[in-house]
Amino acid sequence: MQAAQPGQDRLATARRALDSLLADDRTEARVLHPYARALLEQIRERQQLTLLAERLRRQLDERAHSSAARDQELEALRRQNAELQRKLEAIADIERGLSPPT
């Protein structure tokens, strides 16, 4: 899922490079460890936000689809109601036209 997002490959590559830097115990590398940790935290946050945004987008799509289905069902019920109302009016017209019993 993450690889499908734009830039996720680059983030994964950056994450591996930063992990490698943090694993390096040389003095030159240790000087950069605080920056590497800060960047890793930002990458983690970005990846979490990307996942959250994708989950929310899917939920929105599902709700929109569900809403469209409800709208279609409601429209069908309205048409059915109108048809039944016409039939009731036709029956009432027939009843009015009948002669009263004598």
PDB file of N, CA and C in Angstrom:
ATOM      1  N   MET A   1       0.834  -1.191   0.000  1.00  0.00           N
ATOM      2  CA  MET A   1       0.000   0.000   0.000  1.00  0.00           C
ATOM      3  C   MET A   1       0.873   1.247   0.000  1.00  0.00           C
ATOM      4  N   GLN A   2       1.906   1.263   0.838  1.00  0.00           N
ATOM      5  CA  GLN A   2       2.746   2.449   0.907  1.00  0.00           C
ATOM      6  C   GLN A   2       3.479   2.694  -0.393  1.00  0.00           C
ATOM      7  N   ALA A   3       3.917   1.623  -1.048  1.00  0.00           N
ATOM      8  CA  ALA A   3       4.683   1.795  -2.284  1.00  0.00           C
ATOM      9  C   ALA A   3       3.832   2.415  -3.376  1.00  0.00           C
ATOM     10  N   ALA A   4       2.520   2.299  -3.259  1.00  0.00           N
ATOM     11  CA  ALA A   4       1.630   2.866  -4.272  1.00  0.00           C
ATOM     12  C   ALA A   4       1.535   4.383  -4.147  1.00  0.00           C
ATOM     13  N   GLN A   5       1.897   4.923  -3.006  1.00  0.00           N
ATOM     14  CA  GLN A   5       1.816   6.360  -2.789  1.00  0.00           C
ATOM     15  C   GLN A   5       3.023   7.056  -3.407  1.00  0.00           C
ATOM     16  N   PRO A   6       2.812   8.229  -4.009  1.00  0.00           N
ATOM     17  CA  PRO A   6       3.942   8.972  -4.576  1.00  0.00           C
ATOM     18  C   PRO A   6       4.974   9.295  -3.494  1.00  0.00           C
ATOM     19  N   GLY A   7       6.232   9.067  -3.807  1.00  0.00           N
ATOM     20  CA  GLY A   7       7.295   9.410  -2.879  1.00  0.00           C
ATOM     21  C   GLY A   7       7.584   8.376  -1.812  1.00  0.00           C
ATOM     22  N   GLN A   8       6.760   7.338  -1.706  1.00  0.00           N
ATOM     23  CA  GLN A   8       6.974   6.340  -0.660  1.00  0.00           C
ATOM     24  C   GLN A   8       8.267   5.564  -0.874  1.00  0.00           C
ATOM     25  N   ASP A   9       8.630   5.316  -2.123  1.00  0.00           N
ATOM     26  CA  ASP A   9       9.896   4.626  -2.398  1.00  0.00           C
ATOM     27  C   ASP A   9      11.067   5.468  -1.910  1.00  0.00           C
ATOM     28  N   ARG A  10      10.999   6.761  -2.170  1.00  0.00           N
ATOM     29  CA  ARG A  10      12.074   7.658  -1.722  1.00  0.00           C
ATOM     30  C   ARG A  10      12.136   7.712  -0.203  1.00  0.00           C
ATOM     31  N   LEU A  11      10.972   7.723   0.440  1.00  0.00           N
ATOM     32  CA  LEU A  11      10.961   7.744   1.904  1.00  0.00           C
ATOM     33  C   LEU A  11      11.556   6.460   2.466  1.00  0.00           C
ATOM     34  N   ALA A  12      11.234   5.336   1.846  1.00  0.00           N
ATOM     35  CA  ALA A  12      11.787   4.061   2.303  1.00  0.00           C
ATOM     36  C   ALA A  12      13.304   4.047   2.131  1.00  0.00           C
ATOM     37  N   THR A  13      13.780   4.578   1.014  1.00  0.00           N
ATOM     38  CA  THR A  13      15.226   4.659   0.775  1.00  0.00           C
ATOM     39  C   THR A  13      15.884   5.571   1.804  1.00  0.00           C
ATOM     40  N   ALA A  14      15.267   6.709   2.068  1.00  0.00           N
ATOM     41  CA  ALA A  14      15.806   7.645   3.062  1.00  0.00           C
ATOM     42  C   ALA A  14      15.822   7.003   4.443  1.00  0.00           C
ATOM     43  N   ARG A  15      14.773   6.268   4.744  1.00  0.00           N
ATOM     44  CA  ARG A  15      14.691   5.608   6.052  1.00  0.00           C
ATOM     45  C   ARG A  15      15.822   4.592   6.217  1.00  0.00           C
ATOM     46  N   ARG A  16      16.070   3.808   5.171  1.00  0.00           N
ATOM     47  CA  ARG A  16      17.164   2.827   5.231  1.00  0.00           C
ATOM     48  C   ARG A  16      18.512   3.531   5.403  1.00  0.00           C
ATOM     49  N   ALA A  17      18.708   4.634   4.684  1.00  0.00           N
ATOM     50  CA  ALA A  17      19.973   5.371   4.796  1.00  0.00           C
ATOM     51  C   ALA A  17      20.148   5.935   6.203  1.00  0.00           C
ATOM     52  N   LEU A  18      19.076   6.462   6.772  1.00  0.00           N
ATOM     53  CA  LEU A  18      19.160   7.018   8.127  1.00  0.00           C
ATOM     54  C   LEU A  18      19.389   5.915   9.162  1.00  0.00           C
ATOM     55  N   ASP A  19      18.724   4.770   8.975  1.00  0.00           N
ATOM     56  CA  ASP A  19      18.956   3.633   9.872  1.00  0.00           C
ATOM     57  C   ASP A  19      20.416   3.196   9.806  1.00  0.00           C
ATOM     58  N   SER A  20      20.953   3.177   8.600  1.00  0.00           N
ATOM     59  CA  SER A  20      22.357   2.809   8.415  1.00  0.00           C
ATOM     60  C   SER A  20      23.270   3.818   9.115  1.00  0.00           C
ATOM     61  N   LEU A  21      22.952   5.095   8.986  1.00  0.00           N
ATOM     62  CA  LEU A  21      23.740   6.135   9.646  1.00  0.00           C
ATOM     63  C   LEU A  21      23.688   5.965  11.163  1.00  0.00           C
ATOM     64  N   LEU A  22      22.495   5.658  11.690  1.00  0.00           N
ATOM     65  CA  LEU A  22      22.363   5.471  13.139  1.00  0.00           C
ATOM     66  C   LEU A  22      23.112   4.226  13.618  1.00  0.00           C
ATOM     67  N   ALA A  23      23.251   3.237  12.757  1.00  0.00           N
ATOM     68  CA  ALA A  23      23.981   2.025  13.122  1.00  0.00           C
ATOM     69  C   ALA A  23      25.494   2.250  13.088  1.00  0.00           C
ATOM     70  N   ASP A  24      25.912   3.285  12.397  1.00  0.00           N
ATOM     71  CA  ASP A  24      27.342   3.606  12.281  1.00  0.00           C
ATOM     72  C   ASP A  24      27.805   4.263  13.580  1.00  0.00           C
ATOM     73  N   ASP A  25      28.816   3.675  14.208  1.00  0.00           N
ATOM     74  CA  ASP A  25      29.262   4.161  15.510  1.00  0.00           C
ATOM     75  C   ASP A  25      30.522   5.025  15.422  1.00  0.00           C
ATOM     76  N   ARG A  26      30.903   5.375  14.221  1.00  0.00           N
ATOM     77  CA  ARG A  26      32.071   6.247  14.088  1.00  0.00           C
ATOM     78  C   ARG A  26      31.724   7.651  14.588  1.00  0.00           C
ATOM     79  N   THR A  27      32.743   8.385  14.999  1.00  0.00           N
ATOM     80  CA  THR A  27      32.551   9.728  15.553  1.00  0.00           C
ATOM     81  C   THR A  27      31.852  10.650  14.565  1.00  0.00           C
ATOM     82  N   GLU A  28      32.268  10.589  13.292  1.00  0.00           N
ATOM     83  CA  GLU A  28      31.645  11.462  12.277  1.00  0.00           C
ATOM     84  C   GLU A  28      30.150  11.160  12.134  1.00  0.00           C
ATOM     85  N   ALA A  29      29.799   9.895  12.262  1.00  0.00           N
ATOM     86  CA  ALA A  29      28.392   9.505  12.136  1.00  0.00           C
ATOM     87  C   ALA A  29      27.614   9.880  13.391  1.00  0.00           C
ATOM     88  N   ARG A  30      28.225   9.681  14.561  1.00  0.00           N
ATOM     89  CA  ARG A  30      27.526   9.987  15.826  1.00  0.00           C
ATOM     90  C   ARG A  30      27.146  11.459  15.914  1.00  0.00           C
ATOM     91  N   VAL A  31      27.931  12.326  15.312  1.00  0.00           N
ATOM     92  CA  VAL A  31      27.608  13.759  15.307  1.00  0.00           C
ATOM     93  C   VAL A  31      26.278  13.993  14.584  1.00  0.00           C
ATOM     94  N   LEU A  32      26.000  13.170  13.602  1.00  0.00           N
ATOM     95  CA  LEU A  32      24.774  13.331  12.807  1.00  0.00           C
ATOM     96  C   LEU A  32      23.578  12.558  13.369  1.00  0.00           C
ATOM     97  N   HIS A  33      23.779  11.731  14.392  1.00  0.00           N
ATOM     98  CA  HIS A  33      22.696  10.909  14.942  1.00  0.00           C
ATOM     99  C   HIS A  33      21.467  11.722  15.371  1.00  0.00           C
ATOM    100  N   PRO A  34      21.615  12.852  16.077  1.00  0.00           N
ATOM    101  CA  PRO A  34      20.404  13.606  16.462  1.00  0.00           C
ATOM    102  C   PRO A  34      19.581  14.052  15.242  1.00  0.00           C
ATOM    103  N   TYR A  35      20.263  14.467  14.195  1.00  0.00           N
ATOM    104  CA  TYR A  35      19.555  14.885  12.974  1.00  0.00           C
ATOM    105  C   TYR A  35      18.882  13.692  12.307  1.00  0.00           C
ATOM    106  N   ALA A  36      19.597  12.575  12.297  1.00  0.00           N
ATOM    107  CA  ALA A  36      19.044  11.362  11.685  1.00  0.00           C
ATOM    108  C   ALA A  36      17.800  10.914  12.442  1.00  0.00           C
ATOM    109  N   ARG A  37      17.849  10.951  13.782  1.00  0.00           N
ATOM    110  CA  ARG A  37      16.673  10.560  14.575  1.00  0.00           C
ATOM    111  C   ARG A  37      15.496  11.499  14.303  1.00  0.00           C
ATOM    112  N   ALA A  38      15.770  12.792  14.215  1.00  0.00           N
ATOM    113  CA  ALA A  38      14.701  13.766  13.939  1.00  0.00           C
ATOM    114  C   ALA A  38      14.091  13.518  12.561  1.00  0.00           C
ATOM    115  N   LEU A  39      14.940  13.262  11.582  1.00  0.00           N
ATOM    116  CA  LEU A  39      14.426  12.982  10.232  1.00  0.00           C
ATOM    117  C   LEU A  39      13.626  11.690  10.202  1.00  0.00           C
ATOM    118  N   LEU A  40      14.114  10.661  10.909  1.00  0.00           N
ATOM    119  CA  LEU A  40      13.368   9.399  10.965  1.00  0.00           C
ATOM    120  C   LEU A  40      11.993   9.602  11.590  1.00  0.00           C
ATOM    121  N   GLU A  41      11.931  10.404  12.630  1.00  0.00           N
ATOM    122  CA  GLU A  41      10.642  10.682  13.270  1.00  0.00           C
ATOM    123  C   GLU A  41       9.695  11.384  12.290  1.00  0.00           C
ATOM    124  N   GLN A  42      10.217  12.322  11.531  1.00  0.00           N
ATOM    125  CA  GLN A  42       9.385  13.005  10.532  1.00  0.00           C
ATOM    126  C   GLN A  42       8.907  12.034   9.457  1.00  0.00           C
ATOM    127  N   ILE A  43       9.785  11.133   9.046  1.00  0.00           N
ATOM    128  CA  ILE A  43       9.400  10.142   8.030  1.00  0.00           C
ATOM    129  C   ILE A  43       8.310   9.235   8.584  1.00  0.00           C
ATOM    130  N   ARG A  44       8.481   8.775   9.828  1.00  0.00           N
ATOM    131  CA  ARG A  44       7.453   7.913  10.446  1.00  0.00           C
ATOM    132  C   ARG A  44       6.113   8.646  10.509  1.00  0.00           C
ATOM    133  N   GLU A  45       6.149   9.897  10.950  1.00  0.00           N
ATOM    134  CA  GLU A  45       4.912  10.681  11.025  1.00  0.00           C
ATOM    135  C   GLU A  45       4.270  10.823   9.655  1.00  0.00           C
ATOM    136  N   ARG A  46       5.080  11.116   8.661  1.00  0.00           N
ATOM    137  CA  ARG A  46       4.546  11.281   7.307  1.00  0.00           C
ATOM    138  C   ARG A  46       3.919   9.983   6.816  1.00  0.00           C
ATOM    139  N   GLN A  47       4.586   8.856   7.071  1.00  0.00           N
ATOM    140  CA  GLN A  47       4.039   7.577   6.636  1.00  0.00           C
ATOM    141  C   GLN A  47       2.748   7.258   7.378  1.00  0.00           C
ATOM    142  N   GLN A  48       2.688   7.560   8.678  1.00  0.00           N
ATOM    143  CA  GLN A  48       1.456   7.341   9.435  1.00  0.00           C
ATOM    144  C   GLN A  48       0.332   8.224   8.912  1.00  0.00           C
ATOM    145  N   LEU A  49       0.647   9.483   8.623  1.00  0.00           N
ATOM    146  CA  LEU A  49      -0.370  10.394   8.093  1.00  0.00           C
ATOM    147  C   LEU A  49      -0.838   9.958   6.709  1.00  0.00           C
ATOM    148  N   THR A  50       0.079   9.427   5.915  1.00  0.00           N
ATOM    149  CA  THR A  50      -0.290   8.923   4.592  1.00  0.00           C
ATOM    150  C   THR A  50      -1.257   7.751   4.728  1.00  0.00           C
ATOM    151  N   LEU A  51      -0.947   6.832   5.650  1.00  0.00           N
ATOM    152  CA  LEU A  51      -1.843   5.693   5.880  1.00  0.00           C
ATOM    153  C   LEU A  51      -3.204   6.161   6.388  1.00  0.00           C
ATOM    154  N   LEU A  52      -3.198   7.111   7.303  1.00  0.00           N
ATOM    155  CA  LEU A  52      -4.452   7.641   7.836  1.00  0.00           C
ATOM    156  C   LEU A  52      -5.265   8.319   6.741  1.00  0.00           C
ATOM    157  N   ALA A  53      -4.609   9.105   5.909  1.00  0.00           N
ATOM    158  CA  ALA A  53      -5.304   9.783   4.809  1.00  0.00           C
ATOM    159  C   ALA A  53      -5.909   8.764   3.848  1.00  0.00           C
ATOM    160  N   GLU A  54      -5.183   7.699   3.562  1.00  0.00           N
ATOM    161  CA  GLU A  54      -5.700   6.654   2.672  1.00  0.00           C
ATOM    162  C   GLU A  54      -6.907   5.958   3.302  1.00  0.00           C
ATOM    163  N   ARG A  55      -6.816   5.660   4.595  1.00  0.00           N
ATOM    164  CA  ARG A  55      -7.937   5.014   5.282  1.00  0.00           C
ATOM    165  C   ARG A  55      -9.166   5.923   5.266  1.00  0.00           C
ATOM    166  N   LEU A  56      -8.961   7.208   5.526  1.00  0.00           N
ATOM    167  CA  LEU A  56     -10.076   8.158   5.510  1.00  0.00           C
ATOM    168  C   LEU A  56     -10.663   8.306   4.109  1.00  0.00           C
ATOM    169  N   ARG A  57      -9.801   8.281   3.077  1.00  0.00           N
ATOM    170  CA  ARG A  57     -10.284   8.369   1.705  1.00  0.00           C
ATOM    171  C   ARG A  57     -11.153   7.158   1.366  1.00  0.00           C
ATOM    172  N   ARG A  58     -10.713   5.963   1.803  1.00  0.00           N
ATOM    173  CA  ARG A  58     -11.510   4.757   1.553  1.00  0.00           C
ATOM    174  C   ARG A  58     -12.852   4.838   2.269  1.00  0.00           C
ATOM    175  N   GLN A  59     -12.843   5.304   3.529  1.00  0.00           N
ATOM    176  CA  GLN A  59     -14.094   5.440   4.272  1.00  0.00           C
ATOM    177  C   GLN A  59     -15.031   6.425   3.584  1.00  0.00           C
ATOM    178  N   LEU A  60     -14.488   7.529   3.114  1.00  0.00           N
ATOM    179  CA  LEU A  60     -15.289   8.523   2.406  1.00  0.00           C
ATOM    180  C   LEU A  60     -15.877   7.932   1.129  1.00  0.00           C
ATOM    181  N   ASP A  61     -15.059   7.182   0.385  1.00  0.00           N
ATOM    182  CA  ASP A  61     -15.553   6.533  -0.832  1.00  0.00           C
ATOM    183  C   ASP A  61     -16.678   5.557  -0.511  1.00  0.00           C
ATOM    184  N   GLU A  62     -16.490   4.759   0.570  1.00  0.00           N
ATOM    185  CA  GLU A  62     -17.521   3.796   0.963  1.00  0.00           C
ATOM    186  C   GLU A  62     -18.808   4.505   1.358  1.00  0.00           C
ATOM    187  N   ARG A  63     -18.674   5.583   2.104  1.00  0.00           N
ATOM    188  CA  ARG A  63     -19.874   6.316   2.532  1.00  0.00           C
ATOM    189  C   ARG A  63     -20.560   6.994   1.354  1.00  0.00           C
ATOM    190  N   ALA A  64     -19.782   7.509   0.430  1.00  0.00           N
ATOM    191  CA  ALA A  64     -20.366   8.137  -0.755  1.00  0.00           C
ATOM    192  C   ALA A  64     -21.118   7.096  -1.571  1.00  0.00           C
ATOM    193  N   HIS A  65     -20.520   5.903  -1.705  1.00  0.00           N
ATOM    194  CA  HIS A  65     -21.177   4.824  -2.448  1.00  0.00           C
ATOM    195  C   HIS A  65     -22.459   4.409  -1.730  1.00  0.00           C
ATOM    196  N   SER A  66     -22.380   4.279  -0.404  1.00  0.00           N
ATOM    197  CA  SER A  66     -23.541   3.907   0.395  1.00  0.00           C
ATOM    198  C   SER A  66     -24.628   4.974   0.289  1.00  0.00           C
ATOM    199  N   SER A  67     -24.220   6.237   0.308  1.00  0.00           N
ATOM    200  CA  SER A  67     -25.170   7.338   0.195  1.00  0.00           C
ATOM    201  C   SER A  67     -25.858   7.326  -1.169  1.00  0.00           C
ATOM    202  N   ALA A  68     -25.093   7.050  -2.214  1.00  0.00           N
ATOM    203  CA  ALA A  68     -25.675   6.986  -3.557  1.00  0.00           C
ATOM    204  C   ALA A  68     -26.681   5.848  -3.637  1.00  0.00           C
ATOM    205  N   ALA A  69     -26.363   4.714  -3.023  1.00  0.00           N
ATOM    206  CA  ALA A  69     -27.285   3.578  -3.026  1.00  0.00           C
ATOM    207  C   ALA A  69     -28.566   3.939  -2.271  1.00  0.00           C
ATOM    208  N   ARG A  70     -28.421   4.638  -1.133  1.00  0.00           N
ATOM    209  CA  ARG A  70     -29.609   5.056  -0.378  1.00  0.00           C
ATOM    210  C   ARG A  70     -30.442   6.040  -1.189  1.00  0.00           C
ATOM    211  N   ASP A  71     -29.782   6.953  -1.891  1.00  0.00           N
ATOM    212  CA  ASP A  71     -30.503   7.912  -2.729  1.00  0.00           C
ATOM    213  C   ASP A  71     -31.292   7.200  -3.818  1.00  0.00           C
ATOM    214  N   GLN A  72     -30.687   6.184  -4.430  1.00  0.00           N
ATOM    215  CA  GLN A  72     -31.378   5.422  -5.474  1.00  0.00           C
ATOM    216  C   GLN A  72     -32.574   4.676  -4.888  1.00  0.00           C
ATOM    217  N   GLU A  73     -32.381   4.083  -3.708  1.00  0.00           N
ATOM    218  CA  GLU A  73     -33.472   3.364  -3.057  1.00  0.00           C
ATOM    219  C   GLU A  73     -34.606   4.322  -2.695  1.00  0.00           C
ATOM    220  N   LEU A  74     -34.250   5.498  -2.187  1.00  0.00           N
ATOM    221  CA  LEU A  74     -35.255   6.498  -1.831  1.00  0.00           C
ATOM    222  C   LEU A  74     -36.039   6.940  -3.062  1.00  0.00           C
ATOM    223  N   GLU A  75     -35.341   7.156  -4.169  1.00  0.00           N
ATOM    224  CA  GLU A  75     -36.017   7.555  -5.408  1.00  0.00           C
ATOM    225  C   GLU A  75     -36.961   6.456  -5.891  1.00  0.00           C
ATOM    226  N   ALA A  76     -36.537   5.201  -5.785  1.00  0.00           N
ATOM    227  CA  ALA A  76     -37.400   4.082  -6.181  1.00  0.00           C
ATOM    228  C   ALA A  76     -38.640   4.032  -5.293  1.00  0.00           C
ATOM    229  N   LEU A  77     -38.470   4.263  -3.997  1.00  0.00           N
ATOM    230  CA  LEU A  77     -39.613   4.271  -3.085  1.00  0.00           C
ATOM    231  C   LEU A  77     -40.554   5.435  -3.391  1.00  0.00           C
ATOM    232  N   ARG A  78     -40.007   6.574  -3.764  1.00  0.00           N
ATOM    233  CA  ARG A  78     -40.855   7.716  -4.141  1.00  0.00           C
ATOM    234  C   ARG A  78     -41.676   7.394  -5.389  1.00  0.00           C
ATOM    235  N   ARG A  79     -41.029   6.766  -6.373  1.00  0.00           N
ATOM    236  CA  ARG A  79     -41.768   6.387  -7.588  1.00  0.00           C
ATOM    237  C   ARG A  79     -42.868   5.379  -7.258  1.00  0.00           C
ATOM    238  N   GLN A  80     -42.527   4.410  -6.405  1.00  0.00           N
ATOM    239  CA  GLN A  80     -43.510   3.404  -6.010  1.00  0.00           C
ATOM    240  C   GLN A  80     -44.665   4.066  -5.259  1.00  0.00           C
ATOM    241  N   ASN A  81     -44.362   5.006  -4.386  1.00  0.00           N
ATOM    242  CA  ASN A  81     -45.393   5.716  -3.640  1.00  0.00           C
ATOM    243  C   ASN A  81     -46.302   6.502  -4.584  1.00  0.00           C
ATOM    244  N   ALA A  82     -45.706   7.181  -5.563  1.00  0.00           N
ATOM    245  CA  ALA A  82     -46.501   7.952  -6.525  1.00  0.00           C
ATOM    246  C   ALA A  82     -47.422   7.030  -7.320  1.00  0.00           C
ATOM    247  N   GLU A  83     -46.906   5.872  -7.724  1.00  0.00           N
ATOM    248  CA  GLU A  83     -47.725   4.909  -8.473  1.00  0.00           C
ATOM    249  C   GLU A  83     -48.878   4.403  -7.612  1.00  0.00           C
ATOM    250  N   LEU A  84     -48.610   4.090  -6.361  1.00  0.00           N
ATOM    251  CA  LEU A  84     -49.670   3.631  -5.464  1.00  0.00           C
ATOM    252  C   LEU A  84     -50.697   4.736  -5.222  1.00  0.00           C
ATOM    253  N   GLN A  85     -50.238   5.971  -5.126  1.00  0.00           N
ATOM    254  CA  GLN A  85     -51.159   7.094  -4.937  1.00  0.00           C
ATOM    255  C   GLN A  85     -52.080   7.238  -6.145  1.00  0.00           C
ATOM    256  N   ARG A  86     -51.516   7.087  -7.363  1.00  0.00           N
ATOM    257  CA  ARG A  86     -52.345   7.152  -8.579  1.00  0.00           C
ATOM    258  C   ARG A  86     -53.394   6.037  -8.583  1.00  0.00           C
ATOM    259  N   LYS A  87     -52.996   4.848  -8.149  1.00  0.00           N
ATOM    260  CA  LYS A  87     -53.946   3.730  -8.102  1.00  0.00           C
ATOM    261  C   LYS A  87     -55.054   3.997  -7.092  1.00  0.00           C
ATOM    262  N   LEU A  88     -54.686   4.554  -5.933  1.00  0.00           N
ATOM    263  CA  LEU A  88     -55.704   4.882  -4.929  1.00  0.00           C
ATOM    264  C   LEU A  88     -56.682   5.928  -5.457  1.00  0.00           C
ATOM    265  N   GLU A  89     -56.150   6.927  -6.156  1.00  0.00           N
ATOM    266  CA  GLU A  89     -57.021   7.951  -6.732  1.00  0.00           C
ATOM    267  C   GLU A  89     -57.936   7.350  -7.792  1.00  0.00           C
ATOM    268  N   ALA A  90     -57.419   6.417  -8.573  1.00  0.00           N
ATOM    269  CA  ALA A  90     -58.249   5.763  -9.590  1.00  0.00           C
ATOM    270  C   ALA A  90     -59.355   4.953  -8.932  1.00  0.00           C
ATOM    271  N   ILE A  91     -59.023   4.250  -7.856  1.00  0.00           N
ATOM    272  CA  ILE A  91     -60.042   3.476  -7.135  1.00  0.00           C
ATOM    273  C   ILE A  91     -61.085   4.416  -6.545  1.00  0.00           C
ATOM    274  N   ALA A  92     -60.634   5.541  -5.984  1.00  0.00           N
ATOM    275  CA  ALA A  92     -61.578   6.509  -5.411  1.00  0.00           C
ATOM    276  C   ALA A  92     -62.490   7.064  -6.502  1.00  0.00           C
ATOM    277  N   ASP A  93     -61.961   7.322  -7.702  1.00  0.00           N
ATOM    278  CA  ASP A  93     -62.791   7.793  -8.819  1.00  0.00           C
ATOM    279  C   ASP A  93     -63.831   6.749  -9.196  1.00  0.00           C
ATOM    280  N   ILE A  94     -63.420   5.495  -9.235  1.00  0.00           N
ATOM    281  CA  ILE A  94     -64.359   4.414  -9.563  1.00  0.00           C
ATOM    282  C   ILE A  94     -65.451   4.345  -8.509  1.00  0.00           C
ATOM    283  N   GLU A  95     -65.055   4.423  -7.234  1.00  0.00           N
ATOM    284  CA  GLU A  95     -66.045   4.348  -6.157  1.00  0.00           C
ATOM    285  C   GLU A  95     -67.033   5.508  -6.231  1.00  0.00           C
ATOM    286  N   ARG A  96     -66.550   6.700  -6.588  1.00  0.00           N
ATOM    287  CA  ARG A  96     -67.449   7.846  -6.699  1.00  0.00           C
ATOM    288  C   ARG A  96     -68.427   7.674  -7.866  1.00  0.00           C
ATOM    289  N   GLY A  97     -68.002   6.968  -8.869  1.00  0.00           N
ATOM    290  CA  GLY A  97     -68.850   6.773 -10.046  1.00  0.00           C
ATOM    291  C   GLY A  97     -69.880   5.668  -9.866  1.00  0.00           C
ATOM    292  N   LEU A  98     -69.719   4.860  -8.851  1.00  0.00           N
ATOM    293  CA  LEU A  98     -70.685   3.782  -8.621  1.00  0.00           C
ATOM    294  C   LEU A  98     -71.994   4.373  -8.107  1.00  0.00           C
ATOM    295  N   SER A  99     -73.093   3.776  -8.530  1.00  0.00           N
ATOM    296  CA  SER A  99     -74.376   4.263  -8.023  1.00  0.00           C
ATOM    297  C   SER A  99     -74.593   3.701  -6.625  1.00  0.00           C
ATOM    298  N   PRO A 100     -75.189   4.514  -5.764  1.00  0.00           N
ATOM    299  CA  PRO A 100     -75.415   4.045  -4.396  1.00  0.00           C
ATOM    300  C   PRO A 100     -76.428   2.901  -4.397  1.00  0.00           C
ATOM    301  N   PRO A 101     -76.296   2.008  -3.442  1.00  0.00           N
ATOM    302  CA  PRO A 101     -77.245   0.885  -3.374  1.00  0.00           C
ATOM    303  C   PRO A 101     -78.658   1.408  -3.079  1.00  0.00           C
ATOM    304  N   THR A 102     -79.621   0.766  -3.646  1.00  0.00           N
ATOM    305  CA  THR A 102     -81.008   1.203  -3.438  1.00  0.00           C
ATOM    306  C   THR A 102     -81.768   0.325  -2.508  1.00  0.00           C
TER     307      THR A 102
END
